[in-house]
Amino acid sequence: MSLYESHNLQDRELPFIYKEHVARSAEHTFGSSNWHENVEIVYVSKGQGAISNNGHTLLLREGDIAVINANHLHSFAATDGEMIYRYLIVDRSFCLANGVDTNAVSFEMRIEDEQIRELMELLHAEYSSENTSYRTLKVRSIVLRLLARLCEAHSTPIEAAERLDHSVSYVKQAIDYVRASYGKDFSLDEVAAFVGVSKCYLSREFHKYTGYTFVAYVNRMRCKMAQQLLSDTRISVSEVGRRCGFANRSYFAKSFRRYVGMLPIEYRAQALSKS
């Protein structure tokens, strides 16, 4: 089970994902970290928050723009209430077809550019419009102008860019291990041995790139999986905890309340009342 994000971009005419998302503050922590091979442009339309982008934390507020480079580990968080952001994900094959090798350039993480801001607003208007006349042509034109501007004003050849810290690959492997083994009993020592680095090194780099200690990340992941199982009343709360890797019901309840905001039994009751 991997946190590599696979995108369904089968539309050859519009090989993009454009959506609006809400990140809500939950103890001011980041959501699940993921990565993908496509470039992602983020525009904050309301509120404020942050992006953890390959170990760098970018504080963002309304009107700010950020770029997530190909294969960069990233996650989002609101710092006060909620942050509403729009994101454009551009298929790598579309970039290559138009002369942009996203593995050969590094885009600036934070973009201060009124032209790009205007293009993002224009793109949003086009996606929101009910007028479908020449929509494909218009959207492709806007995305190409965005790429051209990013390449001309906000990119650096990968050879001249700051060398990628290989430790991010170790963190990705550790995350994959956690995702695949959350229901089992394992330790940081075992994961470090699997990745092939020391326990102390992995612990430090894991916190650097995800914003969590290793134990906190594991417990948060287990609680997230428990939320799915709690909707099935055929499984007892204790059994849900065991299936998600918690040693006992008390520790499960304590961890669940910390990361979800209520006890497992309360979450189950709330989920049932909604259904």
Protein backbone atom coordinates (compact mmCIF):
# COMPACT_ATOMS: atom_id res chain seq x y z
CA MET A 1 0.00 0.00 0.00
CA SER A 2 1.84 3.07 -1.22
CA LEU A 3 1.45 6.80 -0.77
CA TYR A 4 2.50 7.25 -4.35
CA GLU A 5 -0.47 9.10 -5.83
CA SER A 6 -1.62 7.67 -9.15
CA HIS A 7 -3.58 10.06 -11.35
CA ASN A 8 -6.24 9.01 -13.82
CA LEU A 9 -5.48 11.37 -16.69
CA GLN A 10 -6.97 9.43 -19.56
CA ASP A 11 -8.48 12.46 -21.33
CA ARG A 12 -5.96 13.07 -24.10
CA GLU A 13 -7.42 16.49 -24.81
CA LEU A 14 -7.42 17.69 -21.19
CA PRO A 15 -4.79 15.62 -19.30
CA PHE A 16 -5.15 17.72 -16.15
CA ILE A 17 -6.72 17.58 -12.71
CA TYR A 18 -8.16 20.86 -11.48
CA LYS A 19 -10.04 20.94 -8.18
CA GLU A 20 -10.68 22.99 -5.08
CA HIS A 21 -9.96 21.50 -1.67
CA VAL A 22 -10.40 22.49 1.97
CA ALA A 23 -7.68 21.80 4.52
CA ARG A 24 -8.91 22.11 8.10
CA SER A 25 -6.74 22.65 11.13
CA ALA A 26 -6.44 19.61 13.39
CA GLU A 27 -3.90 20.41 16.09
CA HIS A 28 -2.06 22.29 13.34
CA THR A 29 -0.71 19.06 11.86
CA PHE A 30 -0.17 18.11 8.25
CA GLY A 31 -2.29 15.54 6.47
CA SER A 32 -0.98 12.37 4.85
CA SER A 33 2.18 12.89 2.83
CA ASN A 34 2.19 11.74 -0.79
CA TRP A 35 4.09 12.21 -4.02
CA HIS A 36 3.47 11.85 -7.75
CA GLU A 37 5.35 12.24 -11.01
CA ASN A 38 3.30 15.22 -12.18
CA VAL A 39 3.85 18.91 -11.45
CA GLU A 40 1.24 20.49 -9.19
CA ILE A 41 0.42 24.22 -8.97
CA VAL A 42 -1.38 25.36 -5.82
CA TYR A 43 -3.30 28.62 -5.40
CA VAL A 44 -4.73 29.61 -2.00
CA SER A 45 -8.12 31.22 -2.51
CA LYS A 46 -9.11 31.68 1.14
CA GLY A 47 -7.62 31.35 4.61
CA GLN A 48 -4.10 30.45 5.52
CA GLY A 49 -2.05 27.36 6.08
CA ALA A 50 1.11 25.59 5.10
CA ILE A 51 2.59 23.02 2.74
CA SER A 52 5.25 20.58 3.80
CA ASN A 53 7.16 20.24 0.54
CA ASN A 54 10.11 17.84 0.52
CA GLY A 55 11.16 18.84 4.00
CA HIS A 56 10.52 22.56 3.56
CA THR A 57 7.54 24.19 5.24
CA LEU A 58 5.91 27.00 3.23
CA LEU A 59 3.48 29.27 5.06
CA LEU A 60 0.73 30.38 2.71
CA ARG A 61 -2.14 32.83 2.84
CA GLU A 62 -4.86 34.01 0.49
CA GLY A 63 -3.49 34.79 -2.97
CA ASP A 64 -0.25 32.82 -2.56
CA ILE A 65 0.96 30.35 -5.19
CA ALA A 66 3.23 27.34 -4.70
CA VAL A 67 4.59 24.68 -7.05
CA ILE A 68 5.15 21.07 -6.04
CA ASN A 69 7.83 19.56 -8.25
CA ALA A 70 7.64 16.05 -9.66
CA ASN A 71 8.20 13.32 -7.05
CA HIS A 72 8.32 15.74 -4.12
CA LEU A 73 6.88 14.47 -0.86
CA HIS A 74 4.18 16.91 0.27
CA SER A 75 1.19 17.45 2.53
CA PHE A 76 -1.12 20.31 3.53
CA ALA A 77 -2.39 21.86 6.76
CA ALA A 78 -4.52 24.83 7.77
CA THR A 79 -3.11 26.98 10.54
CA ASP A 80 -6.33 28.70 11.60
CA GLY A 81 -9.77 27.31 10.86
CA GLU A 82 -9.49 26.24 7.25
CA MET A 83 -7.52 26.89 4.10
CA ILE A 84 -9.25 26.66 0.73
CA TYR A 85 -6.88 26.03 -2.12
CA ARG A 86 -7.16 25.21 -5.82
CA TYR A 87 -4.71 22.84 -7.40
CA LEU A 88 -3.77 22.09 -10.97
CA ILE A 89 -1.98 18.81 -11.71
CA VAL A 90 -0.48 18.60 -15.19
CA ASP A 91 0.25 15.23 -16.74
CA ARG A 92 3.97 14.67 -17.31
CA SER A 93 3.36 13.35 -20.83
CA PHE A 94 1.60 16.62 -21.73
CA CYS A 95 4.64 18.55 -20.49
CA LEU A 96 7.02 16.35 -22.48
CA ALA A 97 4.90 16.71 -25.62
CA ASN A 98 5.30 20.46 -25.30
CA GLY A 99 9.04 20.49 -24.67
CA VAL A 100 9.08 20.56 -20.87
CA ASP A 101 10.89 17.71 -19.10
CA THR A 102 9.67 18.07 -15.52
CA ASN A 103 12.46 15.76 -14.32
CA ALA A 104 15.10 18.06 -15.81
CA VAL A 105 13.97 21.34 -14.23
CA SER A 106 13.23 22.47 -10.70
CA PHE A 107 10.50 25.06 -10.23
CA GLU A 108 10.55 27.56 -7.40
CA MET A 109 8.42 26.39 -4.49
CA ARG A 110 6.83 29.78 -3.85
CA ILE A 111 5.79 31.92 -6.83
CA GLU A 112 5.46 35.70 -6.66
CA ASP A 113 4.12 36.49 -10.10
CA GLU A 114 1.02 38.50 -10.92
CA GLN A 115 0.87 37.01 -14.43
CA ILE A 116 0.63 33.48 -13.06
CA ARG A 117 -1.95 34.59 -10.49
CA GLU A 118 -4.09 36.04 -13.28
CA LEU A 119 -3.75 32.84 -15.32
CA MET A 120 -4.84 30.74 -12.32
CA GLU A 121 -7.91 32.95 -11.90
CA LEU A 122 -8.63 32.64 -15.61
CA LEU A 123 -8.31 28.86 -15.42
CA HIS A 124 -10.73 28.74 -12.50
CA ALA A 125 -13.26 30.84 -14.38
CA GLU A 126 -13.02 28.56 -17.40
CA TYR A 127 -13.49 25.40 -15.35
CA SER A 128 -16.42 26.98 -13.49
CA SER A 129 -18.16 28.33 -16.59
CA GLU A 130 -21.21 26.57 -17.99
CA ASN A 131 -20.27 27.78 -21.46
CA THR A 132 -18.57 24.82 -23.12
CA SER A 133 -17.79 26.56 -26.42
CA TYR A 134 -14.11 25.97 -27.22
CA ARG A 135 -13.55 24.95 -23.58
CA THR A 136 -10.86 22.38 -24.43
CA LEU A 137 -8.96 24.88 -26.54
CA LYS A 138 -9.17 27.58 -23.87
CA VAL A 139 -8.06 25.34 -21.00
CA ARG A 140 -5.12 23.90 -22.94
CA SER A 141 -4.08 27.41 -23.92
CA ILE A 142 -4.13 28.63 -20.32
CA VAL A 143 -2.14 25.62 -19.04
CA LEU A 144 0.46 26.07 -21.78
CA ARG A 145 0.83 29.75 -20.89
CA LEU A 146 1.26 28.78 -17.23
CA LEU A 147 3.98 26.26 -18.10
CA ALA A 148 5.73 28.73 -20.37
CA ARG A 149 5.78 31.41 -17.68
CA LEU A 150 6.98 28.98 -15.02
CA CYS A 151 9.79 27.74 -17.26
CA GLU A 152 10.91 31.20 -18.33
CA ALA A 153 10.76 32.96 -14.97
CA HIS A 154 10.70 30.41 -12.17
CA SER A 155 12.76 27.33 -13.10
CA THR A 156 16.33 26.12 -12.82
CA PRO A 157 17.97 23.24 -14.74
CA ILE A 158 18.21 20.27 -12.44
CA GLU A 159 22.01 20.12 -12.83
CA ALA A 160 22.33 23.64 -11.45
CA ALA A 161 19.63 23.24 -8.83
CA GLU A 162 20.34 22.29 -5.26
CA ARG A 163 21.12 18.57 -5.17
CA LEU A 164 18.14 16.49 -4.10
CA ASP A 165 18.55 15.12 -0.60
CA HIS A 166 18.51 11.35 -1.05
CA SER A 167 17.12 10.98 2.47
CA VAL A 168 13.64 11.68 1.09
CA SER A 169 13.77 8.30 -0.68
CA TYR A 170 14.40 6.60 2.67
CA VAL A 171 11.42 8.41 4.18
CA LYS A 172 9.22 7.30 1.27
CA GLN A 173 10.27 3.68 1.80
CA ALA A 174 9.51 3.99 5.52
CA ILE A 175 6.06 5.42 4.77
CA ASP A 176 5.36 2.57 2.39
CA TYR A 177 6.37 0.10 5.10
CA VAL A 178 4.01 1.73 7.60
CA ARG A 179 1.14 1.79 5.12
CA ALA A 180 1.60 -1.90 4.32
CA SER A 181 2.13 -3.04 7.94
CA TYR A 182 0.01 -0.74 10.13
CA GLY A 183 -1.96 -3.73 11.48
CA LYS A 184 1.17 -5.51 12.68
CA ASP A 185 3.52 -4.92 15.58
CA PHE A 186 6.76 -3.32 14.36
CA SER A 187 9.35 -0.88 15.64
CA LEU A 188 11.44 1.97 14.31
CA ASP A 189 14.46 -0.35 14.47
CA GLU A 190 12.78 -2.82 12.11
CA VAL A 191 11.76 -0.13 9.64
CA ALA A 192 15.24 1.42 9.71
CA ALA A 193 16.77 -2.01 9.03
CA PHE A 194 14.34 -2.52 6.14
CA VAL A 195 15.25 0.86 4.63
CA GLY A 196 18.95 0.33 5.27
CA VAL A 197 19.79 3.30 7.50
CA SER A 198 20.35 3.85 11.20
CA LYS A 199 17.46 4.29 13.63
CA CYS A 200 18.57 7.80 14.64
CA TYR A 201 19.04 8.93 11.05
CA LEU A 202 15.60 7.71 9.96
CA SER A 203 13.93 9.23 13.01
CA ARG A 204 15.45 12.64 12.30
CA GLU A 205 14.73 12.61 8.57
CA PHE A 206 11.23 11.24 9.05
CA HIS A 207 10.31 14.19 11.24
CA LYS A 208 12.00 16.60 8.85
CA TYR A 209 9.99 15.50 5.82
CA THR A 210 6.62 14.62 7.35
CA GLY A 211 6.36 16.95 10.32
CA TYR A 212 5.66 13.98 12.62
CA THR A 213 7.74 11.80 14.88
CA PHE A 214 7.76 8.21 13.67
CA VAL A 215 5.49 7.01 16.50
CA ALA A 216 3.03 9.86 15.96
CA TYR A 217 2.84 9.13 12.23
CA VAL A 218 2.23 5.41 12.83
CA ASN A 219 -0.51 6.06 15.39
CA ARG A 220 -2.16 8.65 13.19
CA MET A 221 -2.16 6.22 10.27
CA ARG A 222 -3.63 3.48 12.44
CA CYS A 223 -6.39 5.80 13.66
CA LYS A 224 -7.19 6.77 10.09
CA MET A 225 -7.63 3.12 9.18
CA ALA A 226 -9.67 2.54 12.34
CA GLN A 227 -12.13 5.22 11.23
CA GLN A 228 -13.01 3.07 8.23
CA LEU A 229 -13.50 -0.10 10.29
CA LEU A 230 -15.61 1.58 12.98
CA SER A 231 -18.43 2.05 10.50
CA ASP A 232 -18.90 -1.75 10.52
CA THR A 233 -20.84 -2.57 13.71
CA ARG A 234 -20.12 -6.28 13.26
CA ILE A 235 -16.59 -5.57 14.48
CA SER A 236 -16.16 -4.67 18.15
CA VAL A 237 -14.24 -1.55 19.10
CA SER A 238 -11.55 -3.69 20.72
CA GLU A 239 -11.20 -5.77 17.56
CA VAL A 240 -10.89 -2.62 15.45
CA GLY A 241 -8.03 -1.52 17.65
CA ARG A 242 -6.30 -4.90 17.35
CA ARG A 243 -6.70 -4.98 13.57
CA CYS A 244 -5.11 -1.55 13.33
CA GLY A 245 -2.08 -2.51 15.39
CA PHE A 246 -2.89 -1.12 18.84
CA ALA A 247 -1.66 -3.31 21.68
CA ASN A 248 -4.65 -2.66 23.94
CA ARG A 249 -8.00 -0.87 23.99
CA SER A 250 -6.81 1.84 26.39
CA TYR A 251 -3.94 2.95 24.14
CA PHE A 252 -6.26 2.78 21.11
CA ALA A 253 -8.81 5.04 22.81
CA LYS A 254 -6.13 7.51 23.95
CA SER A 255 -4.52 7.71 20.51
CA PHE A 256 -7.85 7.93 18.68
CA ARG A 257 -9.04 10.79 20.85
CA ARG A 258 -5.78 12.63 20.27
CA TYR A 259 -5.83 12.39 16.47
CA VAL A 260 -9.56 12.29 15.74
CA GLY A 261 -10.90 14.38 18.61
CA MET A 262 -13.23 11.82 20.20
CA LEU A 263 -13.27 8.27 21.53
CA PRO A 264 -13.73 5.38 19.10
CA ILE A 265 -17.15 4.53 20.53
CA GLU A 266 -18.22 8.17 20.12
CA TYR A 267 -16.98 8.20 16.53
CA ARG A 268 -18.96 5.02 15.79
CA ALA A 269 -22.14 6.50 17.27
CA GLN A 270 -21.69 9.69 15.25
CA ALA A 271 -21.06 7.76 12.03
CA LEU A 272 -24.18 5.64 12.61
CA SER A 273 -26.35 8.68 13.30
CA LYS A 274 -25.22 10.29 10.05
CA SER A 275 -25.94 7.15 8.04
